[in-house]
Amino acid sequence: MNILVCVKQVPDTNEIKIDPETNTLVRDGVPSIVNTFDGYALEAAARIKDNAPDTKIVVLSMGPAQAEAALRECLAIAADKAYLLTDRAFGGSDTLATSYILSQAIRKVEDTEGKFDMIFCGKQAIDGDTAQVGPEIAEHLGYPQVTYALEVQEAAADQLKVLREAEDGKQVVGVGYPCLVTFTKPSFDPRFPTIKRKMAARKAVIEQITAADLADIDLGRAGLKGSPTKVKRTFVPPRKKSGMMITGETPEECAGKLYEALNGAHII
């Protein structure tokens, strides 16, 4: 099997701070991590490799040079090869432009690594929450797709069998190759890197792909120019200046105090 996992480096949401004057993210000193859902996608690929050791896992990320850190983390966990898609021309890309650029890069990587049987992505990035890039890549490539996957149940010679989350429970879906699957949180935790793989990841060569390397790319569909989504304004909801904390030994006691407070304020 030949698997590509698309990953993104994102700010650690536990450390995100907002500048109260500008209402923008404070990025200085904020650590970055591999997008959580992309970690689930990598774990799904690793589990396939556990059962089929000849499986090759390639990771691809689009971002600035610092995104190499996320790729090295993936190499330390399970990936065999990593590529960084980086160019100033890609800056400001929305989901449509990003998915288009990634689809062009995937074709470029396949020239070296061979045709991918499956492409795995996280269902969404925790810094954007759009859940659009994975499905859009599938559309650009013309691949069948499965979204909200929990785990791969079987990677047979002719199809992938996936357990996915549905509105009324869970579904088992079969999909042929090549395909794209987006993953959500499974019932198990992803594996940790080993010391041996960490040491190898530090020395690994991460190949960079720029716009000049993508012979067929239309730069009119990339960056701000190729992004139909326009952000007009961002803001932080104002904090309420007053309030009260209701405490009690039992839920019933808290409910009684809440009723008294609301009744006293003539709300109920």
Protein backbone atom coordinates (compact mmCIF):
# COMPACT_ATOMS: atom_id res chain seq x y z
CA MET A 1 0.00 0.00 0.00
CA ASN A 2 1.06 3.56 -0.72
CA ILE A 3 -0.52 6.15 1.59
CA LEU A 4 -0.30 9.94 1.61
CA VAL A 5 -1.25 11.80 4.80
CA CYS A 6 -1.88 15.55 4.54
CA VAL A 7 -1.00 17.40 7.74
CA LYS A 8 -1.08 21.00 8.94
CA GLN A 9 0.89 22.80 11.61
CA VAL A 10 -1.49 24.79 13.83
CA PRO A 11 -1.23 26.92 17.00
CA ASP A 12 -1.72 24.98 20.21
CA THR A 13 -5.31 25.91 21.14
CA ASN A 14 -4.47 25.64 24.83
CA GLU A 15 -2.06 28.55 24.42
CA ILE A 16 -4.03 30.85 22.11
CA LYS A 17 -4.31 34.45 23.32
CA ILE A 18 -6.12 37.43 21.81
CA ASP A 19 -4.67 40.93 21.75
CA PRO A 20 -7.43 43.05 23.38
CA GLU A 21 -6.37 46.15 21.43
CA THR A 22 -6.23 44.67 17.92
CA ASN A 23 -8.53 41.65 18.45
CA THR A 24 -6.02 39.47 16.59
CA LEU A 25 -4.23 36.27 17.56
CA VAL A 26 -1.03 36.70 19.54
CA ARG A 27 1.38 34.35 17.72
CA ASP A 28 4.65 35.34 19.38
CA GLY A 29 5.68 32.67 21.84
CA VAL A 30 2.67 30.45 21.04
CA PRO A 31 3.78 26.84 20.39
CA SER A 32 2.66 25.01 17.25
CA ILE A 33 1.54 21.39 16.99
CA VAL A 34 0.42 18.88 14.39
CA ASN A 35 -3.29 19.39 13.82
CA THR A 36 -5.08 16.96 16.14
CA PHE A 37 -7.31 15.40 13.49
CA ASP A 38 -4.35 14.95 11.15
CA GLY A 39 -2.76 12.95 13.95
CA TYR A 40 -5.74 10.60 13.85
CA ALA A 41 -5.26 10.23 10.07
CA LEU A 42 -1.59 9.39 10.58
CA GLU A 43 -2.51 6.80 13.22
CA ALA A 44 -4.95 5.18 10.78
CA ALA A 45 -2.16 4.90 8.21
CA ALA A 46 0.22 3.50 10.85
CA ARG A 47 -2.30 0.80 11.78
CA ILE A 48 -2.49 -0.29 8.16
CA LYS A 49 1.30 -0.50 8.13
CA ASP A 50 1.22 -2.60 11.33
CA ASN A 51 -0.67 -5.26 9.38
CA ALA A 52 1.16 -4.74 6.08
CA PRO A 53 4.80 -3.78 6.84
CA ASP A 54 5.60 -3.06 3.19
CA THR A 55 3.18 -0.09 3.31
CA LYS A 56 4.79 3.30 2.62
CA ILE A 57 3.53 6.40 4.42
CA VAL A 58 4.31 9.83 2.95
CA VAL A 59 3.32 13.07 4.69
CA LEU A 60 2.72 16.38 2.94
CA SER A 61 2.21 19.81 4.50
CA MET A 62 1.68 23.27 3.06
CA GLY A 63 3.06 26.16 5.07
CA PRO A 64 6.12 28.24 5.96
CA ALA A 65 9.55 26.76 6.66
CA GLN A 66 8.70 26.29 10.35
CA ALA A 67 6.14 23.62 9.35
CA GLU A 68 9.12 21.27 8.99
CA ALA A 69 8.80 20.70 12.74
CA ALA A 70 5.35 19.16 12.26
CA LEU A 71 6.64 16.94 9.48
CA ARG A 72 9.53 15.72 11.61
CA GLU A 73 7.06 14.85 14.35
CA CYS A 74 5.13 12.75 11.83
CA LEU A 75 8.36 11.04 10.76
CA ALA A 76 9.08 10.28 14.40
CA ILE A 77 5.68 8.64 14.80
CA ALA A 78 5.12 6.60 11.64
CA ALA A 79 5.86 8.36 8.33
CA ASP A 80 8.60 7.21 5.94
CA LYS A 81 8.98 10.35 3.82
CA ALA A 82 7.97 14.01 4.14
CA TYR A 83 7.42 16.89 1.73
CA LEU A 84 6.91 20.58 2.52
CA LEU A 85 4.90 22.65 0.06
CA THR A 86 6.03 26.23 0.58
CA ASP A 87 6.06 29.41 -1.49
CA ARG A 88 5.17 33.06 -0.93
CA ALA A 89 2.76 32.73 -3.86
CA PHE A 90 0.61 30.40 -1.73
CA GLY A 91 0.22 32.86 1.15
CA GLY A 92 -3.33 33.89 2.02
CA SER A 93 -4.94 30.89 0.33
CA ASP A 94 -8.44 30.00 1.49
CA THR A 95 -9.69 26.40 1.54
CA LEU A 96 -10.45 26.29 -2.19
CA ALA A 97 -7.03 27.63 -3.18
CA THR A 98 -5.29 25.44 -0.60
CA SER A 99 -6.98 22.27 -1.83
CA TYR A 100 -6.12 23.14 -5.43
CA ILE A 101 -2.45 23.72 -4.60
CA LEU A 102 -2.30 20.48 -2.60
CA SER A 103 -3.88 18.52 -5.47
CA GLN A 104 -1.17 19.83 -7.81
CA ALA A 105 1.54 18.94 -5.28
CA ILE A 106 0.13 15.42 -4.83
CA ARG A 107 0.53 14.77 -8.55
CA LYS A 108 4.10 16.08 -8.31
CA VAL A 109 4.93 13.83 -5.34
CA GLU A 110 3.46 10.83 -7.16
CA ASP A 111 6.10 11.30 -9.88
CA THR A 112 8.67 10.29 -7.24
CA GLU A 113 6.77 8.13 -4.76
CA GLY A 114 4.38 6.36 -7.15
CA LYS A 115 0.60 6.44 -7.29
CA PHE A 116 -1.06 6.71 -3.88
CA ASP A 117 -3.71 4.12 -3.11
CA MET A 118 -5.27 6.37 -0.51
CA ILE A 119 -4.99 9.91 0.80
CA PHE A 120 -5.76 10.48 4.48
CA CYS A 121 -6.62 13.86 6.00
CA GLY A 122 -7.97 15.10 9.31
CA LYS A 123 -11.64 16.04 9.09
CA GLN A 124 -10.73 19.69 9.81
CA ALA A 125 -8.02 21.96 11.16
CA ILE A 126 -8.52 23.11 14.74
CA ASP A 127 -7.55 26.68 13.78
CA GLY A 128 -10.16 26.92 11.01
CA ASP A 129 -12.82 24.25 11.57
CA THR A 130 -14.09 24.39 7.98
CA ALA A 131 -13.77 20.65 7.17
CA GLN A 132 -13.50 21.63 3.49
CA VAL A 133 -9.92 21.00 2.36
CA GLY A 134 -10.01 17.17 2.37
CA PRO A 135 -13.24 16.83 0.36
CA GLU A 136 -12.09 19.58 -2.02
CA ILE A 137 -8.83 17.72 -2.71
CA ALA A 138 -10.89 14.66 -3.60
CA GLU A 139 -12.95 16.73 -6.02
CA HIS A 140 -9.86 18.23 -7.67
CA LEU A 141 -8.40 14.74 -8.14
CA GLY A 142 -11.70 13.10 -9.08
CA TYR A 143 -11.42 10.54 -6.25
CA PRO A 144 -14.22 8.93 -4.23
CA GLN A 145 -14.20 10.08 -0.62
CA VAL A 146 -15.31 8.99 2.83
CA THR A 147 -15.65 11.60 5.56
CA TYR A 148 -15.82 11.39 9.37
CA ALA A 149 -13.96 8.09 9.45
CA LEU A 150 -13.23 6.61 12.87
CA GLU A 151 -10.93 3.80 11.78
CA VAL A 152 -9.97 1.56 8.89
CA GLN A 153 -11.41 -1.89 9.45
CA GLU A 154 -9.71 -3.54 6.48
CA ALA A 155 -7.35 -2.55 3.68
CA ALA A 156 -7.99 -5.26 1.12
CA ALA A 157 -6.40 -5.57 -2.30
CA ASP A 158 -9.40 -4.05 -4.07
CA GLN A 159 -11.02 -1.77 -1.51
CA LEU A 160 -10.77 0.02 1.81
CA LYS A 161 -13.37 -0.77 4.47
CA VAL A 162 -13.93 2.18 6.79
CA LEU A 163 -15.97 2.65 9.96
CA ARG A 164 -17.41 6.16 9.90
CA GLU A 165 -19.41 8.36 12.23
CA ALA A 166 -22.98 9.08 11.11
CA GLU A 167 -25.84 11.18 12.46
CA ASP A 168 -27.74 8.14 13.72
CA GLY A 169 -24.79 5.96 14.75
CA LYS A 170 -21.97 4.39 12.79
CA GLN A 171 -21.61 3.04 9.26
CA VAL A 172 -19.23 0.65 7.53
CA VAL A 173 -18.36 1.90 4.05
CA GLY A 174 -16.32 0.26 1.33
CA VAL A 175 -14.45 2.42 -1.17
CA GLY A 176 -12.18 1.53 -4.08
CA TYR A 177 -8.70 2.83 -4.81
CA PRO A 178 -7.51 5.53 -5.22
CA CYS A 179 -9.60 7.28 -2.58
CA LEU A 180 -9.52 10.04 0.01
CA VAL A 181 -10.63 9.60 3.63
CA THR A 182 -10.99 12.24 6.34
CA PHE A 183 -10.72 11.17 9.98
CA THR A 184 -12.33 12.29 13.20
CA LYS A 185 -11.51 11.27 16.79
CA PRO A 186 -11.48 7.47 17.23
CA SER A 187 -12.03 5.49 20.44
CA PHE A 188 -8.27 5.05 20.95
CA ASP A 189 -5.30 7.38 21.34
CA PRO A 190 -2.63 7.78 18.64
CA ARG A 191 0.76 6.24 19.32
CA PHE A 192 3.76 8.17 20.60
CA PRO A 193 7.10 8.46 18.76
CA THR A 194 9.96 6.19 19.76
CA ILE A 195 13.44 7.41 20.66
CA LYS A 196 14.90 5.62 17.65
CA ARG A 197 12.44 7.23 15.24
CA LYS A 198 12.92 10.65 16.87
CA MET A 199 16.66 10.47 16.25
CA ALA A 200 16.12 9.42 12.64
CA ALA A 201 13.53 12.19 12.12
CA ARG A 202 16.01 14.86 13.21
CA LYS A 203 18.40 13.80 10.45
CA ALA A 204 15.79 13.19 7.76
CA VAL A 205 15.85 15.28 4.59
CA ILE A 206 12.52 17.01 4.00
CA GLU A 207 12.10 17.93 0.36
CA GLN A 208 10.56 21.30 -0.40
CA ILE A 209 8.16 21.92 -3.27
CA THR A 210 7.68 25.44 -4.57
CA ALA A 211 5.42 26.94 -7.23
CA ALA A 212 8.27 26.62 -9.75
CA ASP A 213 8.23 22.83 -9.25
CA LEU A 214 4.54 22.55 -10.19
CA ALA A 215 4.58 22.77 -13.97
CA ASP A 216 0.80 22.71 -14.46
CA ILE A 217 -0.26 25.00 -11.62
CA ASP A 218 -2.37 28.08 -12.38
CA LEU A 219 -1.20 30.69 -9.88
CA GLY A 220 -4.37 32.65 -10.59
CA ARG A 221 -6.09 29.97 -8.48
CA ALA A 222 -3.59 30.26 -5.60
CA GLY A 223 -2.94 32.74 -2.80
CA LEU A 224 -5.17 35.74 -2.14
CA LYS A 225 -5.81 36.17 -5.85
CA GLY A 226 -7.27 32.68 -6.14
CA SER A 227 -9.28 32.81 -2.91
CA PRO A 228 -12.98 33.69 -3.25
CA THR A 229 -13.37 33.75 0.55
CA LYS A 230 -12.82 37.24 1.94
CA VAL A 231 -12.61 37.91 5.69
CA LYS A 232 -14.10 41.35 6.26
CA ARG A 233 -13.72 41.56 10.02
CA THR A 234 -12.72 39.53 13.06
CA PHE A 235 -13.59 40.44 16.61
CA VAL A 236 -13.68 39.14 20.16
CA PRO A 237 -17.09 39.23 21.92
CA PRO A 238 -16.91 41.72 24.80
CA ARG A 239 -16.63 40.25 28.26
CA LYS A 240 -19.49 40.78 30.66
CA LYS A 241 -18.40 43.05 33.48
CA SER A 242 -20.54 41.51 36.21
CA GLY A 243 -21.98 38.16 37.19
CA MET A 244 -22.35 35.73 40.02
CA MET A 245 -21.16 32.21 40.73
CA ILE A 246 -23.74 29.81 42.11
CA THR A 247 -22.36 26.98 44.19
CA GLY A 248 -23.88 24.24 46.30
CA GLU A 249 -23.41 20.74 47.63
CA THR A 250 -25.94 19.17 45.22
CA PRO A 251 -27.44 19.98 41.81
CA GLU A 252 -30.80 20.49 43.55
CA GLU A 253 -29.31 23.08 45.90
CA CYS A 254 -27.70 24.94 42.97
CA ALA A 255 -30.99 24.86 41.07
CA GLY A 256 -32.80 26.33 44.07
CA LYS A 257 -30.29 29.16 44.41
CA LEU A 258 -30.51 29.86 40.67
CA TYR A 259 -34.30 30.07 40.89
CA GLU A 260 -34.09 32.46 43.82
CA ALA A 261 -31.64 34.70 41.96
CA LEU A 262 -33.74 34.80 38.78
CA ASN A 263 -36.94 35.33 40.74
CA GLY A 264 -35.35 38.13 42.75
CA ALA A 265 -34.29 39.85 39.52
CA HIS A 266 -37.90 39.47 38.23
CA ILE A 267 -36.68 37.40 35.28
CA ILE A 268 -39.04 34.57 36.16
